Structure formats: structure tokens, C-alpha cells
Amino acid sequence: MATAAELGSKFTCFKCECKFYDLGAPEPLCPRCGADQREAPAPVAPPRSRRKSTAKKKRAPAKKAAPAPAKPVVEEKSLLDAEGDLLDSPDDAAEK
């Protein structure tokens, strides 16, 4: 089996994306398409994410939601007077 020194440099062709070793040749030519790898365009850095990494931040433990306060019981005013007769309006009950 050949060692890494015997294989030369490893390349990935910029045209056809073929992976190959140059085998120590003076011109690194792609065996599939024949492109000279020295003519490859400058590598473009991948865009950085604008999101902050959540792995670095320590998250606070989740807080349990407080139970909703109980609704107060509202007493309804009766539209009946003391004798059981129906009143005309709730204001009449306040007068008696």
C-alpha cells in the first residue's frame, strides 16, 4: 500500500469535484476532466451565521407558570323585592 508521501497532495477538482492525488506530478491535473488545479478560483469563505450560538450560553432552568388566580364569585342582585314581586329595574332594588 502506498504511503501519503508517495501519493502526493490530495485535491478536489474545482470543475467536476473529483477527488484525486497528484502522485507528485509537477502539474496537478484532474484525471477525469483534465483541469489544472493551479487555475482554481480563490476559495470563498462560507457566510457566517447571524444567529448566536446557543451552545455557549447557559440557559436558565424553565420556570413553571403560576396558576391563574381564581375568579371572584360575584353575587347577582335579585330583581325580586322582599315580598317576591318583580321589580322594574335594578335601581328599584337599591331604593327599597
N, C-alpha and C. Protein backbone atom coordinates (compact mmCIF):
# COMPACT_ATOMS: atom_id res chain seq x y z
N MET A 1 0.85 -1.17 0.00
CA MET A 1 0.00 0.00 0.00
C MET A 1 0.90 1.23 0.00
N ALA A 2 0.49 2.24 -0.74
CA ALA A 2 1.28 3.47 -0.88
C ALA A 2 1.10 4.36 0.34
N THR A 3 2.16 5.05 0.72
CA THR A 3 2.08 5.99 1.83
C THR A 3 1.61 7.34 1.31
N ALA A 4 1.26 8.22 2.23
CA ALA A 4 0.76 9.54 1.86
C ALA A 4 1.84 10.33 1.12
N ALA A 5 3.10 10.14 1.47
CA ALA A 5 4.19 10.85 0.81
C ALA A 5 4.32 10.41 -0.65
N GLU A 6 4.05 9.15 -0.94
CA GLU A 6 4.14 8.65 -2.32
C GLU A 6 2.97 9.12 -3.18
N LEU A 7 1.84 9.36 -2.56
CA LEU A 7 0.65 9.78 -3.30
C LEU A 7 0.67 11.25 -3.66
N GLY A 8 1.41 12.04 -2.91
CA GLY A 8 1.48 13.47 -3.19
C GLY A 8 0.37 14.21 -2.47
N SER A 9 -0.06 15.30 -3.07
CA SER A 9 -1.10 16.14 -2.46
C SER A 9 -2.49 15.69 -2.89
N LYS A 10 -3.43 15.84 -1.98
CA LYS A 10 -4.81 15.47 -2.28
C LYS A 10 -5.54 16.70 -2.81
N PHE A 11 -6.32 16.52 -3.87
CA PHE A 11 -7.07 17.60 -4.49
C PHE A 11 -8.53 17.19 -4.66
N THR A 12 -9.38 18.21 -4.74
CA THR A 12 -10.76 18.05 -5.18
C THR A 12 -10.91 19.01 -6.34
N CYS A 13 -11.21 18.48 -7.50
CA CYS A 13 -11.28 19.29 -8.72
C CYS A 13 -12.33 20.39 -8.58
N PHE A 14 -11.97 21.60 -8.97
CA PHE A 14 -12.89 22.73 -8.87
C PHE A 14 -13.95 22.70 -9.97
N LYS A 15 -13.75 21.91 -11.02
CA LYS A 15 -14.74 21.83 -12.10
C LYS A 15 -15.69 20.66 -11.92
N CYS A 16 -15.15 19.46 -11.72
CA CYS A 16 -16.01 18.27 -11.66
C CYS A 16 -16.11 17.65 -10.28
N GLU A 17 -15.43 18.22 -9.29
CA GLU A 17 -15.45 17.79 -7.90
C GLU A 17 -14.92 16.37 -7.69
N CYS A 18 -14.10 15.91 -8.60
CA CYS A 18 -13.45 14.62 -8.47
C CYS A 18 -12.32 14.73 -7.45
N LYS A 19 -12.20 13.75 -6.57
CA LYS A 19 -11.12 13.75 -5.58
C LYS A 19 -9.99 12.87 -6.11
N PHE A 20 -8.77 13.40 -6.00
CA PHE A 20 -7.63 12.65 -6.52
C PHE A 20 -6.35 13.12 -5.85
N TYR A 21 -5.27 12.31 -5.99
CA TYR A 21 -3.92 12.67 -5.55
C TYR A 21 -3.12 13.00 -6.81
N ASP A 22 -2.19 13.94 -6.68
CA ASP A 22 -1.41 14.33 -7.86
C ASP A 22 -0.23 13.39 -8.13
N LEU A 23 0.03 12.46 -7.24
CA LEU A 23 1.11 11.48 -7.37
C LEU A 23 2.47 12.12 -7.57
N GLY A 24 2.64 13.31 -7.04
CA GLY A 24 3.93 14.00 -7.10
C GLY A 24 4.21 14.66 -8.44
N ALA A 25 3.23 14.74 -9.32
CA ALA A 25 3.43 15.34 -10.65
C ALA A 25 3.61 16.85 -10.49
N PRO A 26 4.38 17.49 -11.39
CA PRO A 26 4.59 18.93 -11.29
C PRO A 26 3.31 19.73 -11.58
N GLU A 27 2.42 19.18 -12.39
CA GLU A 27 1.16 19.86 -12.71
C GLU A 27 0.00 19.02 -12.17
N PRO A 28 -0.75 19.54 -11.20
CA PRO A 28 -1.88 18.77 -10.67
C PRO A 28 -3.08 18.83 -11.62
N LEU A 29 -3.18 17.85 -12.50
CA LEU A 29 -4.27 17.79 -13.48
C LEU A 29 -5.31 16.76 -13.02
N CYS A 30 -6.56 17.14 -13.15
CA CYS A 30 -7.66 16.25 -12.78
C CYS A 30 -7.67 15.07 -13.75
N PRO A 31 -7.72 13.83 -13.26
CA PRO A 31 -7.74 12.68 -14.16
C PRO A 31 -9.06 12.54 -14.91
N ARG A 32 -10.12 13.13 -14.45
CA ARG A 32 -11.42 13.00 -15.09
C ARG A 32 -11.61 14.05 -16.18
N CYS A 33 -11.41 15.36 -15.84
CA CYS A 33 -11.71 16.42 -16.82
C CYS A 33 -10.45 17.11 -17.35
N GLY A 34 -9.30 16.88 -16.73
CA GLY A 34 -8.06 17.47 -17.21
C GLY A 34 -7.80 18.90 -16.76
N ALA A 35 -8.61 19.43 -15.83
CA ALA A 35 -8.45 20.82 -15.38
C ALA A 35 -7.19 20.94 -14.52
N ASP A 36 -6.43 21.99 -14.77
CA ASP A 36 -5.24 22.27 -13.97
C ASP A 36 -5.69 22.91 -12.67
N GLN A 37 -5.38 22.30 -11.55
CA GLN A 37 -5.88 22.75 -10.25
C GLN A 37 -5.21 24.04 -9.76
N ARG A 38 -4.13 24.44 -10.39
CA ARG A 38 -3.49 25.71 -10.03
C ARG A 38 -4.31 26.89 -10.56
N GLU A 39 -5.22 26.66 -11.49
CA GLU A 39 -6.07 27.71 -12.05
C GLU A 39 -7.39 27.84 -11.29
N ALA A 40 -7.51 27.13 -10.21
CA ALA A 40 -8.76 27.16 -9.43
C ALA A 40 -9.00 28.56 -8.88
N PRO A 41 -10.27 29.00 -8.86
CA PRO A 41 -10.57 30.31 -8.27
C PRO A 41 -10.27 30.28 -6.77
N ALA A 42 -10.08 31.46 -6.22
CA ALA A 42 -9.79 31.56 -4.79
C ALA A 42 -10.97 31.02 -4.00
N PRO A 43 -10.69 30.28 -2.95
CA PRO A 43 -11.80 29.72 -2.17
C PRO A 43 -12.60 30.83 -1.49
N VAL A 44 -13.89 30.65 -1.46
CA VAL A 44 -14.79 31.61 -0.85
C VAL A 44 -15.15 31.09 0.54
N ALA A 45 -14.99 31.95 1.53
CA ALA A 45 -15.33 31.55 2.90
C ALA A 45 -16.84 31.43 3.02
N PRO A 46 -17.32 30.42 3.73
CA PRO A 46 -18.77 30.29 3.89
C PRO A 46 -19.31 31.45 4.71
N PRO A 47 -20.54 31.87 4.43
CA PRO A 47 -21.11 33.01 5.17
C PRO A 47 -21.28 32.65 6.64
N ARG A 48 -21.00 33.62 7.49
CA ARG A 48 -21.15 33.40 8.92
C ARG A 48 -22.62 33.55 9.28
N SER A 49 -23.04 32.76 10.20
CA SER A 49 -24.42 32.81 10.66
C SER A 49 -24.59 34.03 11.56
N ARG A 50 -25.73 34.67 11.44
CA ARG A 50 -26.02 35.83 12.28
C ARG A 50 -26.60 35.42 13.62
N ARG A 51 -26.98 34.18 13.73
CA ARG A 51 -27.55 33.70 14.98
C ARG A 51 -26.44 33.45 15.98
N LYS A 52 -26.71 33.75 17.21
CA LYS A 52 -25.75 33.48 18.27
C LYS A 52 -25.81 32.00 18.60
N SER A 53 -24.69 31.46 18.93
CA SER A 53 -24.64 30.05 19.29
C SER A 53 -25.29 29.85 20.64
N THR A 54 -26.21 28.90 20.71
CA THR A 54 -26.88 28.62 21.97
C THR A 54 -26.07 27.66 22.81
N ALA A 55 -25.07 27.01 22.23
CA ALA A 55 -24.26 26.07 22.98
C ALA A 55 -23.41 26.78 24.02
N LYS A 56 -22.99 27.99 23.76
CA LYS A 56 -22.13 28.71 24.68
C LYS A 56 -22.90 29.33 25.83
N LYS A 57 -24.16 29.66 25.60
CA LYS A 57 -24.95 30.31 26.62
C LYS A 57 -25.48 29.27 27.60
N LYS A 58 -25.50 29.66 28.86
CA LYS A 58 -26.12 28.80 29.85
C LYS A 58 -27.58 29.21 29.95
N ARG A 59 -28.43 28.26 29.77
CA ARG A 59 -29.85 28.55 29.84
C ARG A 59 -30.33 28.41 31.27
N ALA A 60 -31.18 29.33 31.66
CA ALA A 60 -31.77 29.27 32.99
C ALA A 60 -32.80 28.15 33.01
N PRO A 61 -32.96 27.49 34.15
CA PRO A 61 -33.97 26.44 34.20
C PRO A 61 -35.35 27.02 33.93
N ALA A 62 -36.16 26.24 33.29
CA ALA A 62 -37.50 26.70 32.92
C ALA A 62 -38.33 26.92 34.18
N LYS A 63 -39.01 28.03 34.22
CA LYS A 63 -39.87 28.35 35.36
C LYS A 63 -41.26 27.82 35.08
N LYS A 64 -41.85 27.27 36.14
CA LYS A 64 -43.22 26.79 35.99
C LYS A 64 -44.16 27.99 36.03
N ALA A 65 -45.16 27.94 35.21
CA ALA A 65 -46.14 29.04 35.16
C ALA A 65 -46.97 29.02 36.43
N ALA A 66 -47.19 30.19 36.99
CA ALA A 66 -48.01 30.30 38.19
C ALA A 66 -49.46 30.00 37.82
N PRO A 67 -50.17 29.34 38.71
CA PRO A 67 -51.57 29.05 38.38
C PRO A 67 -52.36 30.35 38.27
N ALA A 68 -53.32 30.34 37.41
CA ALA A 68 -54.14 31.53 37.20
C ALA A 68 -54.96 31.81 38.46
N PRO A 69 -55.06 33.07 38.84
CA PRO A 69 -55.85 33.38 40.04
C PRO A 69 -57.31 33.01 39.82
N ALA A 70 -57.92 32.56 40.90
CA ALA A 70 -59.32 32.16 40.81
C ALA A 70 -60.19 33.40 40.62
N LYS A 71 -61.22 33.25 39.81
CA LYS A 71 -62.13 34.38 39.57
C LYS A 71 -63.02 34.56 40.79
N PRO A 72 -63.16 35.79 41.25
CA PRO A 72 -64.02 36.01 42.42
C PRO A 72 -65.48 35.76 42.06
N VAL A 73 -66.18 35.27 43.04
CA VAL A 73 -67.61 35.00 42.84
C VAL A 73 -68.35 36.31 43.02
N VAL A 74 -69.12 36.69 42.03
CA VAL A 74 -69.87 37.93 42.07
C VAL A 74 -71.32 37.59 42.39
N GLU A 75 -71.83 38.23 43.44
CA GLU A 75 -73.22 38.00 43.79
C GLU A 75 -74.12 38.80 42.86
N GLU A 76 -75.09 38.13 42.31
CA GLU A 76 -76.01 38.81 41.41
C GLU A 76 -77.13 39.42 42.23
N LYS A 77 -77.52 40.61 41.86
CA LYS A 77 -78.63 41.27 42.53
C LYS A 77 -79.93 40.68 42.02
N SER A 78 -80.76 40.42 42.91
CA SER A 78 -82.05 39.85 42.55
C SER A 78 -82.97 40.96 42.06
N LEU A 79 -83.78 40.66 41.08
CA LEU A 79 -84.78 41.61 40.59
C LEU A 79 -86.12 41.41 41.30
N LEU A 80 -86.05 40.65 42.37
CA LEU A 80 -87.27 40.44 43.16
C LEU A 80 -87.12 41.23 44.46
N ASP A 81 -88.21 41.83 44.91
CA ASP A 81 -88.15 42.55 46.19
C ASP A 81 -88.37 41.56 47.32
N ALA A 82 -88.43 42.04 48.53
CA ALA A 82 -88.55 41.18 49.71
C ALA A 82 -89.81 40.32 49.67
N GLU A 83 -90.90 40.84 49.08
CA GLU A 83 -92.13 40.07 49.02
C GLU A 83 -92.15 39.07 47.87
N GLY A 84 -91.17 39.15 46.95
CA GLY A 84 -91.13 38.23 45.82
C GLY A 84 -91.73 38.81 44.56
N ASP A 85 -92.05 40.13 44.58
CA ASP A 85 -92.59 40.78 43.39
C ASP A 85 -91.45 41.20 42.47
N LEU A 86 -91.67 41.12 41.18
CA LEU A 86 -90.67 41.50 40.20
C LEU A 86 -90.54 43.00 40.14
N LEU A 87 -89.30 43.50 40.21
CA LEU A 87 -89.04 44.94 40.13
C LEU A 87 -88.87 45.36 38.68
N ASP A 88 -89.04 46.63 38.40
CA ASP A 88 -88.92 47.14 37.04
C ASP A 88 -87.46 47.24 36.61
N SER A 89 -86.57 47.69 37.49
CA SER A 89 -85.16 47.85 37.12
C SER A 89 -84.30 47.57 38.35
N PRO A 90 -83.00 47.33 38.16
CA PRO A 90 -82.12 47.10 39.31
C PRO A 90 -82.04 48.31 40.22
N ASP A 91 -82.29 49.51 39.70
CA ASP A 91 -82.26 50.71 40.54
C ASP A 91 -83.40 50.70 41.55
N ASP A 92 -84.53 50.08 41.19
CA ASP A 92 -85.65 50.00 42.12
C ASP A 92 -85.29 49.15 43.35
N ALA A 93 -84.41 48.16 43.15
CA ALA A 93 -83.99 47.31 44.27
C ALA A 93 -83.13 48.08 45.22
N ALA A 94 -82.34 49.04 44.73
CA ALA A 94 -81.48 49.83 45.60
C ALA A 94 -82.30 50.81 46.42
N GLU A 95 -83.46 51.24 45.91
CA GLU A 95 -84.29 52.20 46.61
C GLU A 95 -85.01 51.54 47.79
N LYS A 96 -85.34 50.28 47.70
CA LYS A 96 -86.11 49.61 48.77
C LYS A 96 -85.27 49.14 49.88
